[in-house]
């Protein structure tokens, strides 16, 4: 078959060498570069506090934390206010751009959901997500995007004004230079907005993408009048940070907390790293060390990230629930059962670009995590149930004795067979069959992998597939299951058609408890089961740390089951 654009790298060896590999190489450079940049900036900031990264970590004493629940509750409440104020201000900016004002509740929900884009490098996804939500609410995406960019500039002006005073409060030899930088940033941003720089930039962007849209020509002066509102928001943010510090038994004066947090946020934002990770924390350690000492400063800087991330995710889930009616009409309607015809006749296997690109970040993450769950032995015979695009089969081919990919979609099997042939994987084959009744010989496989299959199965089908897997697996063989967790914030957004589109083929998400029960009922013994983190850079830290307690951070369900040896 003729490969789609996303498949060309896998189906044509020359293209894979010259095209996909070059793209993957460029992507490979980006993450290490950002990581090195984050470490370097953090190191420079800590050096200003006369600390090294190792010394800062060695000084961490988690025992200094003394929880004060009322202050923690107050901090969470203030953070919710911090989400409401920018929504009201963004509505005012929209009016300046010629749009109708947005109700505060709706605007808050939109900002909360779009705010998740901060965890993706570059700051673009956050603004783009807001534009998508605005269009679904009947607004101009161009004006909403312009208003979002201007609102961010106003927000940074407010942060720079309050954060600039930290340098003065430090009262040391670097104070004058720091103060000059702070005021320089304020003046530059203010002049940029006052002189119409935002409008010029937006028009240039629109021209580049071939879009013509009307933008306000002389709104800079009026918009600058909103700066006090953003300064008020930073004062509330500072009070939330001070309340968090008090709730952890590490009290910081409110004025100092406000200026320190605003300065750290500003530094993190302009770093263009996902959510300013590393830079914000390093800046806080630098600013708080003279007051708290290095150890407690590191503790507070680390825990503020966790606290704010958890609050943002919980609030975003609430925002997604409020916006659930703004998705595509009929996305969840219809009694039609998703079956073989859907996968063969719809555009399912044509639209999954990231699934077809085997060198994409997502597919590298997916293959790596599945192999982390279970790596078959070199001589094993492996069955890839619900092989789809053939990613797992192709990845396992060079590592095991034989791979059989099975899918009930003729279109999927044809595509997979073509890729395997082009890659000269003689030990990889594909069959079109129903996973509920494969007609394969009993006890004929050493390992079975079901990666992203069970969310596509109805409850009764899931039980049959588990029993069939047990039948064709040899005694002592392993069954690895990898499936999305419905409670994760990204799945919450998708299932409510908020920014992300719901996948209609995901007919029945399984919980961890349900997945383990399915396998247990089929006769398996659970060897290990855990939640796995996502591939989104900014979320990974919070997911690894908190997914045990916070359902919104549980990205994937991973279960490895074993068929007991015959008695």
Foldseek 3Di string as FASTA:
>chain_A
DDDDPLQCLLQAVVCVVVPLVVVLVVVVVVVVVLVVLLQVLLQVLVVLLVDGPVRLVVLADLVLFDFDVVLLVVLLVLVLVLLQLLLQLLQVLLVLFVDHGDPSLLSSLLLLQLVVCLLFFQPPSSLQLSLVLQVLVVHHSLSSSLSVVLSVLLLLLLLLVLQLCLLVVVPDPCSVVSNVVSVVSNVVSLCCLQVPVSVVVSCVVCVVVVHDDDGDDGCSVVSNVCSVSSNVSLLSNLSSLQSVCVSGNNHDDSSLSSNQQSNLQSQLVVSSHRSSPSSSLSSQLSSCCVPRNSNVSNVSSVVVLLSSVLSSLVSNLVSLVVCLVSADPPLPDDPDQDDQCCVQPDCVLVPPSQVSNCSDLQNVVLLVVLVVLPPDAAAWEEEEEQCQQVSNLVVCLVRHNAYEYEEQHPVNQVNNQSSCVSVVSPRYHYDHAQLLCRVDAFQAGQEYEYAANPLLDDPVSLLSNLLSVLGRHHAFHKYKYKHWQCLASVNSNCVSNSSHHHDVSRNDDDHLVRVCVSNVVSQWDWPDKDFAFHSSNSLRVSLVVPVVPRVNGRTMIITMTGHHHDD
